[in-house]
Amino acid sequence: MKRISLVNAAHDLIRDILRPGDIAIDATVGNGHDTVFLAEQVGPSGHVYGFDIQQAAIDSTLEKFRQAHSPECLTLIHASHADMDEKIPMHHHGKVRAIMFNLGYLPGGDKTVITLTDSTLTALTVAARILAAEGIITLLAYPGHQGGDLETGQVKNWCEQLDTQQFEVNTIYSTEHKDSAPRLFVIRKLR
């Protein structure tokens, strides 16, 4: 089976939904690629909120963003994505059209600093609540690193608990359906 880019798959799915003026969240800023992508979809009249616990990720994203965009449509938050509930303004709750997660560690950074299962599940619960009807959550999970197996399994369990009257969940694998293969969880909020 041909390996597919799960990042590109997530971008394609979100590109179909986001429009200028929309609100989007990058729950795990990392090196800023998804943040810049989201801003390209919603700008200049929309807004992107980005979360990361590492200041280095915030700094590199801001630098990357300034090279291509006006920073007025971006708010970077040096905090856990689990804090989304209190950090995203209340007037945006229920109006966020897309939320991206890319779990694991910061590429090129400290591989011991990883997303944690508990904060990820808290963030997903908040994300599902503040997401707009017909909005999308994409979550890229990597079971192949320490802690990644548990986190991926718990995300899968969380998805299976969602009300099928309110949410539709699909999983896309980078290769065949191996337990160790990276996967993209696609969560759509129904009307």
C-alpha atoms as a PDB file:
ATOM      1  CA  MET A   1       0.000   0.000   0.000  1.00  0.00           C
ATOM      2  CA  LYS A   2       1.281   3.450  -0.919  1.00  0.00           C
ATOM      3  CA  ARG A   3       2.112   5.692   2.036  1.00  0.00           C
ATOM      4  CA  ILE A   4       0.003   8.845   2.140  1.00  0.00           C
ATOM      5  CA  SER A   5       0.781  12.147   3.831  1.00  0.00           C
ATOM      6  CA  LEU A   6      -1.624  12.468   6.733  1.00  0.00           C
ATOM      7  CA  VAL A   7      -0.737  16.158   7.110  1.00  0.00           C
ATOM      8  CA  ASN A   8      -1.750  16.751   3.485  1.00  0.00           C
ATOM      9  CA  ALA A   9      -4.936  14.717   4.024  1.00  0.00           C
ATOM     10  CA  ALA A  10      -5.827  16.884   7.055  1.00  0.00           C
ATOM     11  CA  HIS A  11      -5.132  20.057   5.081  1.00  0.00           C
ATOM     12  CA  ASP A  12      -7.312  18.867   2.185  1.00  0.00           C
ATOM     13  CA  LEU A  13     -10.228  18.107   4.512  1.00  0.00           C
ATOM     14  CA  ILE A  14      -9.938  21.465   6.285  1.00  0.00           C
ATOM     15  CA  ARG A  15      -9.492  23.398   3.042  1.00  0.00           C
ATOM     16  CA  ASP A  16     -12.971  22.157   2.037  1.00  0.00           C
ATOM     17  CA  ILE A  17     -14.529  23.659   5.184  1.00  0.00           C
ATOM     18  CA  LEU A  18     -12.671  26.841   6.168  1.00  0.00           C
ATOM     19  CA  ARG A  19     -13.490  30.185   4.578  1.00  0.00           C
ATOM     20  CA  PRO A  20     -12.151  33.708   5.024  1.00  0.00           C
ATOM     21  CA  GLY A  21     -13.526  35.166   8.246  1.00  0.00           C
ATOM     22  CA  ASP A  22     -13.712  31.804  10.050  1.00  0.00           C
ATOM     23  CA  ILE A  23     -12.177  30.962  13.440  1.00  0.00           C
ATOM     24  CA  ALA A  24      -9.676  28.078  13.644  1.00  0.00           C
ATOM     25  CA  ILE A  25      -7.427  26.563  16.302  1.00  0.00           C
ATOM     26  CA  ASP A  26      -4.051  24.866  16.041  1.00  0.00           C
ATOM     27  CA  ALA A  27      -4.069  22.927  19.309  1.00  0.00           C
ATOM     28  CA  THR A  28      -0.413  21.898  18.950  1.00  0.00           C
ATOM     29  CA  VAL A  29       1.539  24.654  17.188  1.00  0.00           C
ATOM     30  CA  GLY A  30       4.851  22.804  16.883  1.00  0.00           C
ATOM     31  CA  ASN A  31       6.871  24.343  14.050  1.00  0.00           C
ATOM     32  CA  GLY A  32       3.907  26.382  12.827  1.00  0.00           C
ATOM     33  CA  HIS A  33       3.115  24.673   9.532  1.00  0.00           C
ATOM     34  CA  ASP A  34      -0.532  24.005  10.418  1.00  0.00           C
ATOM     35  CA  THR A  35      -0.873  27.463  11.985  1.00  0.00           C
ATOM     36  CA  VAL A  36       0.247  29.169   8.772  1.00  0.00           C
ATOM     37  CA  PHE A  37      -1.996  26.864   6.721  1.00  0.00           C
ATOM     38  CA  LEU A  38      -5.027  27.756   8.860  1.00  0.00           C
ATOM     39  CA  ALA A  39      -4.268  31.472   8.589  1.00  0.00           C
ATOM     40  CA  GLU A  40      -4.103  31.172   4.800  1.00  0.00           C
ATOM     41  CA  GLN A  41      -7.612  29.706   4.835  1.00  0.00           C
ATOM     42  CA  VAL A  42      -9.286  32.198   7.204  1.00  0.00           C
ATOM     43  CA  GLY A  43      -7.340  35.400   6.577  1.00  0.00           C
ATOM     44  CA  PRO A  44      -7.316  38.258   6.516  1.00  0.00           C
ATOM     45  CA  SER A  45     -10.687  38.666   8.259  1.00  0.00           C
ATOM     46  CA  GLY A  46     -10.665  35.430  10.279  1.00  0.00           C
ATOM     47  CA  HIS A  47      -8.611  34.425  13.292  1.00  0.00           C
ATOM     48  CA  VAL A  48      -6.338  31.537  14.301  1.00  0.00           C
ATOM     49  CA  TYR A  49      -5.547  30.613  17.891  1.00  0.00           C
ATOM     50  CA  GLY A  50      -2.452  28.484  18.436  1.00  0.00           C
ATOM     51  CA  PHE A  51      -1.437  26.578  21.568  1.00  0.00           C
ATOM     52  CA  ASP A  52       1.888  25.105  22.630  1.00  0.00           C
ATOM     53  CA  ILE A  53       3.575  24.442  25.953  1.00  0.00           C
ATOM     54  CA  GLN A  54       7.031  25.125  24.503  1.00  0.00           C
ATOM     55  CA  GLN A  55       8.141  28.721  24.090  1.00  0.00           C
ATOM     56  CA  ALA A  56      10.477  27.639  21.279  1.00  0.00           C
ATOM     57  CA  ALA A  57       7.438  26.453  19.286  1.00  0.00           C
ATOM     58  CA  ILE A  58       5.613  29.741  19.883  1.00  0.00           C
ATOM     59  CA  ASP A  59       8.678  31.768  18.858  1.00  0.00           C
ATOM     60  CA  SER A  60       9.414  29.806  15.672  1.00  0.00           C
ATOM     61  CA  THR A  61       5.755  29.914  14.646  1.00  0.00           C
ATOM     62  CA  LEU A  62       5.542  33.654  15.164  1.00  0.00           C
ATOM     63  CA  GLU A  63       8.691  34.156  13.080  1.00  0.00           C
ATOM     64  CA  LYS A  64       7.368  31.906  10.300  1.00  0.00           C
ATOM     65  CA  PHE A  65       4.024  33.683  10.427  1.00  0.00           C
ATOM     66  CA  ARG A  66       5.480  37.193  10.222  1.00  0.00           C
ATOM     67  CA  GLN A  67       7.293  36.283   7.009  1.00  0.00           C
ATOM     68  CA  ALA A  68       4.038  35.599   5.178  1.00  0.00           C
ATOM     69  CA  HIS A  69       1.125  37.156   7.068  1.00  0.00           C
ATOM     70  CA  SER A  70      -0.111  39.986   9.178  1.00  0.00           C
ATOM     71  CA  PRO A  71       0.036  38.951  12.844  1.00  0.00           C
ATOM     72  CA  GLU A  72      -3.327  40.595  13.638  1.00  0.00           C
ATOM     73  CA  CYS A  73      -5.214  37.438  12.640  1.00  0.00           C
ATOM     74  CA  LEU A  74      -3.134  35.242  14.979  1.00  0.00           C
ATOM     75  CA  THR A  75      -3.124  34.697  18.725  1.00  0.00           C
ATOM     76  CA  LEU A  76      -0.406  32.357  20.020  1.00  0.00           C
ATOM     77  CA  ILE A  77      -0.936  31.032  23.519  1.00  0.00           C
ATOM     78  CA  HIS A  78       1.935  29.620  25.565  1.00  0.00           C
ATOM     79  CA  ALA A  79      -0.211  27.065  27.389  1.00  0.00           C
ATOM     80  CA  SER A  80      -1.525  23.531  27.145  1.00  0.00           C
ATOM     81  CA  HIS A  81      -4.280  22.808  24.660  1.00  0.00           C
ATOM     82  CA  ALA A  82      -6.186  21.548  27.712  1.00  0.00           C
ATOM     83  CA  ASP A  83      -6.636  25.242  28.614  1.00  0.00           C
ATOM     84  CA  MET A  84      -8.593  25.928  25.414  1.00  0.00           C
ATOM     85  CA  ASP A  85     -11.852  26.375  27.309  1.00  0.00           C
ATOM     86  CA  GLU A  86     -10.615  29.391  29.262  1.00  0.00           C
ATOM     87  CA  LYS A  87      -8.213  30.811  26.645  1.00  0.00           C
ATOM     88  CA  ILE A  88     -10.582  30.927  23.654  1.00  0.00           C
ATOM     89  CA  PRO A  89     -12.951  33.900  24.045  1.00  0.00           C
ATOM     90  CA  MET A  90     -16.477  32.825  24.975  1.00  0.00           C
ATOM     91  CA  HIS A  91     -17.965  34.622  21.971  1.00  0.00           C
ATOM     92  CA  HIS A  92     -16.094  32.131  19.735  1.00  0.00           C
ATOM     93  CA  HIS A  93     -17.412  29.042  21.539  1.00  0.00           C
ATOM     94  CA  GLY A  94     -19.669  27.154  19.135  1.00  0.00           C
ATOM     95  CA  LYS A  95     -18.243  29.099  16.174  1.00  0.00           C
ATOM     96  CA  VAL A  96     -14.830  27.467  15.667  1.00  0.00           C
ATOM     97  CA  ARG A  97     -14.868  25.840  12.214  1.00  0.00           C
ATOM     98  CA  ALA A  98     -11.657  23.769  12.416  1.00  0.00           C
ATOM     99  CA  ILE A  99      -9.331  22.492  15.115  1.00  0.00           C
ATOM    100  CA  MET A 100      -6.075  20.712  14.301  1.00  0.00           C
ATOM    101  CA  PHE A 101      -4.036  18.476  16.611  1.00  0.00           C
ATOM    102  CA  ASN A 102      -0.662  16.986  15.710  1.00  0.00           C
ATOM    103  CA  LEU A 103       0.374  14.870  18.686  1.00  0.00           C
ATOM    104  CA  GLY A 104       3.769  13.640  19.830  1.00  0.00           C
ATOM    105  CA  TYR A 105       6.845  15.838  20.147  1.00  0.00           C
ATOM    106  CA  LEU A 106       8.194  18.955  18.483  1.00  0.00           C
ATOM    107  CA  PRO A 107      10.154  17.876  15.384  1.00  0.00           C
ATOM    108  CA  GLY A 108      13.725  19.038  15.862  1.00  0.00           C
ATOM    109  CA  GLY A 109      12.998  19.752  19.535  1.00  0.00           C
ATOM    110  CA  ASP A 110      13.260  17.904  22.837  1.00  0.00           C
ATOM    111  CA  LYS A 111      11.739  14.454  22.205  1.00  0.00           C
ATOM    112  CA  THR A 112      11.102  13.976  25.914  1.00  0.00           C
ATOM    113  CA  VAL A 113       8.506  16.782  25.844  1.00  0.00           C
ATOM    114  CA  ILE A 114       5.443  15.100  24.377  1.00  0.00           C
ATOM    115  CA  THR A 115       1.715  15.582  24.342  1.00  0.00           C
ATOM    116  CA  LEU A 116       0.145  13.805  27.303  1.00  0.00           C
ATOM    117  CA  THR A 117      -2.933  11.617  27.188  1.00  0.00           C
ATOM    118  CA  ASP A 118      -4.854  13.410  29.950  1.00  0.00           C
ATOM    119  CA  SER A 119      -4.376  16.902  28.524  1.00  0.00           C
ATOM    120  CA  THR A 120      -5.132  15.675  25.005  1.00  0.00           C
ATOM    121  CA  LEU A 121      -8.413  14.082  26.107  1.00  0.00           C
ATOM    122  CA  THR A 122      -9.370  17.239  28.024  1.00  0.00           C
ATOM    123  CA  ALA A 123      -8.558  19.340  24.952  1.00  0.00           C
ATOM    124  CA  LEU A 124     -10.601  17.042  22.695  1.00  0.00           C
ATOM    125  CA  THR A 125     -13.602  17.284  24.995  1.00  0.00           C
ATOM    126  CA  VAL A 126     -13.408  21.080  24.959  1.00  0.00           C
ATOM    127  CA  ALA A 127     -12.783  21.103  21.193  1.00  0.00           C
ATOM    128  CA  ALA A 128     -15.894  19.015  20.542  1.00  0.00           C
ATOM    129  CA  ARG A 129     -17.957  21.432  22.628  1.00  0.00           C
ATOM    130  CA  ILE A 130     -16.684  24.713  21.123  1.00  0.00           C
ATOM    131  CA  LEU A 131     -16.688  23.418  17.535  1.00  0.00           C
ATOM    132  CA  ALA A 132     -19.301  24.893  15.202  1.00  0.00           C
ATOM    133  CA  ALA A 133     -21.962  22.698  13.616  1.00  0.00           C
ATOM    134  CA  GLU A 134     -20.449  21.201  10.454  1.00  0.00           C
ATOM    135  CA  GLY A 135     -16.980  21.972  11.840  1.00  0.00           C
ATOM    136  CA  ILE A 136     -14.045  19.553  11.806  1.00  0.00           C
ATOM    137  CA  ILE A 137     -11.366  18.332  14.195  1.00  0.00           C
ATOM    138  CA  THR A 138      -8.322  16.607  12.733  1.00  0.00           C
ATOM    139  CA  LEU A 139      -5.993  14.754  15.065  1.00  0.00           C
ATOM    140  CA  LEU A 140      -2.755  13.198  13.856  1.00  0.00           C
ATOM    141  CA  ALA A 141      -1.529  10.506  16.265  1.00  0.00           C
ATOM    142  CA  TYR A 142       1.780   8.671  16.287  1.00  0.00           C
ATOM    143  CA  PRO A 143       1.741   5.410  18.256  1.00  0.00           C
ATOM    144  CA  GLY A 144       5.401   4.648  17.462  1.00  0.00           C
ATOM    145  CA  HIS A 145       7.063   6.763  20.194  1.00  0.00           C
ATOM    146  CA  GLN A 146       7.167   6.368  23.977  1.00  0.00           C
ATOM    147  CA  GLY A 147       3.744   7.353  25.307  1.00  0.00           C
ATOM    148  CA  GLY A 148       2.307   7.476  21.793  1.00  0.00           C
ATOM    149  CA  ASP A 149       0.722   4.023  21.921  1.00  0.00           C
ATOM    150  CA  LEU A 150      -1.262   4.853  25.059  1.00  0.00           C
ATOM    151  CA  GLU A 151      -2.279   8.285  23.790  1.00  0.00           C
ATOM    152  CA  THR A 152      -3.408   6.928  20.401  1.00  0.00           C
ATOM    153  CA  GLY A 153      -5.410   4.150  22.076  1.00  0.00           C
ATOM    154  CA  GLN A 154      -7.104   6.585  24.436  1.00  0.00           C
ATOM    155  CA  VAL A 155      -7.944   8.976  21.579  1.00  0.00           C
ATOM    156  CA  LYS A 156      -9.489   6.047  19.695  1.00  0.00           C
ATOM    157  CA  ASN A 157     -11.544   5.144  22.785  1.00  0.00           C
ATOM    158  CA  TRP A 158     -12.608   8.785  23.208  1.00  0.00           C
ATOM    159  CA  CYS A 159     -13.775   8.905  19.588  1.00  0.00           C
ATOM    160  CA  GLU A 160     -15.754   5.683  20.033  1.00  0.00           C
ATOM    161  CA  GLN A 161     -17.637   7.271  22.969  1.00  0.00           C
ATOM    162  CA  LEU A 162     -18.896  10.234  20.924  1.00  0.00           C
ATOM    163  CA  ASP A 163     -22.618  10.485  20.268  1.00  0.00           C
ATOM    164  CA  THR A 164     -23.113   9.288  16.681  1.00  0.00           C
ATOM    165  CA  GLN A 165     -26.119  11.603  16.403  1.00  0.00           C
ATOM    166  CA  GLN A 166     -23.780  14.574  16.893  1.00  0.00           C
ATOM    167  CA  PHE A 167     -20.425  13.430  15.492  1.00  0.00           C
ATOM    168  CA  GLU A 168     -19.017  11.374  12.636  1.00  0.00           C
ATOM    169  CA  VAL A 169     -15.541   9.878  13.067  1.00  0.00           C
ATOM    170  CA  ASN A 170     -13.241   8.439  10.410  1.00  0.00           C
ATOM    171  CA  THR A 171      -9.690   7.172  10.703  1.00  0.00           C
ATOM    172  CA  ILE A 172      -7.126   7.418   7.906  1.00  0.00           C
ATOM    173  CA  TYR A 173      -3.884   5.437   8.153  1.00  0.00           C
ATOM    174  CA  SER A 174      -0.574   6.433   6.569  1.00  0.00           C
ATOM    175  CA  THR A 175      -0.065   2.848   5.383  1.00  0.00           C
ATOM    176  CA  GLU A 176      -1.956  -0.364   6.102  1.00  0.00           C
ATOM    177  CA  HIS A 177      -3.928  -0.647   9.348  1.00  0.00           C
ATOM    178  CA  LYS A 178      -1.004  -1.535  11.603  1.00  0.00           C
ATOM    179  CA  ASP A 179      -1.108  -0.755  15.312  1.00  0.00           C
ATOM    180  CA  SER A 180       2.193   1.123  14.964  1.00  0.00           C
ATOM    181  CA  ALA A 181       1.135   3.173  11.915  1.00  0.00           C
ATOM    182  CA  PRO A 182       0.458   6.905  12.294  1.00  0.00           C
ATOM    183  CA  ARG A 183      -3.205   7.740  11.843  1.00  0.00           C
ATOM    184  CA  LEU A 184      -5.453  10.718  11.302  1.00  0.00           C
ATOM    185  CA  PHE A 185      -8.677  10.882  13.291  1.00  0.00           C
ATOM    186  CA  VAL A 186     -11.254  13.037  11.494  1.00  0.00           C
ATOM    187  CA  ILE A 187     -14.125  14.187  13.717  1.00  0.00           C
ATOM    188  CA  ARG A 188     -16.982  16.076  12.088  1.00  0.00           C
ATOM    189  CA  LYS A 189     -19.694  17.786  14.098  1.00  0.00           C
ATOM    190  CA  LEU A 190     -23.056  17.231  12.500  1.00  0.00           C
ATOM    191  CA  ARG A 191     -25.789  19.866  12.212  1.00  0.00           C
END
